[in-house]
Amino acid sequence: MLTLPIPVLLALTLAAAVTFYISNSLFAKKISKTDSDYYIYLMIEGIVCAVVAVASSGGIGKISLYSILFGVLFGITVIAQLLLNLKALAIGPFSYTSVLISLSTVIPTLSGLFWNEKISGMQVIGIVLMVACILLSVDRQQTDDAKKVTKKWLICCLTSAVLNGAVGVMQKIHQSSPHKEESPVFLCSTMITLSLVALVMLIINRQKHKGTDKAAISFKFKKISHVAIPICSGISLGLCHVINLFLSGKLDAAVLFPVVNICPLVLTTVAATILFKERLSKLRWVGLAIGILSTLFVSGVVSSLIG
């Protein structure tokens, strides 16, 4: 799969990212009711992710202690980000949550400077437009969604955004190391860690709140939709990590991370209007248009046309 042309890989990771966001939102809003549900969801997601990571990479490949340990650290970061993302989706609007978490693209984008990656003038314009897209997308005057914006939701969103940015930086670190060919074992360690941490948190949560509603489990293994959603999410997340990890060693951070963050933002916001009936103001539609334009600047399309 990784032998496909880079534009095709970008298209695949964007499609997987949108599917992942929609799956998470469906689970958070339609199925989960307690933390126990989140942990079961993440356990399934992690196992599926590990299988996808190995299968799509053609096997486990080379193994080193560096990739295993870094994978464990990466897994802890990923599960914290995913858990906060799920909580934010459960208590707040889908489109706003996607927008704020997209702020994370600034972190890995600027981190490229540490690898002496140059940022062109066109890319700077693209980054400025990206920030404008995010600011315009968070339109508090939409009364239907504004009432759902709470302090807890904001904290979950912003913390998830920081961790999501850290995920991008950690991908870049691994692919800039001598162990960049060890992606399968790195991602497998990550997802096994994710599942094990989720299992431990499930056990602790069940013991701590034994006999109360907080320990209850709404997740039903006999229901096809309950199982299909985390499996779909796990496949999508696995593809995202495999492809993004590979591309982080092929493309500059200033190109890759804005594209893989802003494009899903635009697409998921459109999906929110269709699947979750979230109405967008004119200001937010303008923000989305600017978001599309920003990706053209950052990805180098505008420079190519002018040149």
Foldseek 3Di string as FASTA:
>chain_A
DLVDDLVVLLVLLLVLVLLLLVLLLCCLAPFDDALLQVLVLLLLLLVLLLVLLQVVLVHQPDDDPVLLVLLLVLLVLVLLLSSLLSVLSNQAASLLLLLLLLVLLVLLLVCLVVVVDDQDPLLVVLVVLSVLLSVLQPDCPQVVGVVSDDPSSVVSSNVSSNSVSVSLVSLLVCLVDPNLSSRSSNSSSSSVSSNVVSVVVLVVQCVVQPPDPNNDHRQDPVDPSSSVSSSSSSNSVSSNSNSSSVVSNVDRSSQRSLSSSLSSSLVNSVVCCVPVVDDDDPSNVVSSVSSVVSNCSSNCVVVVVVD
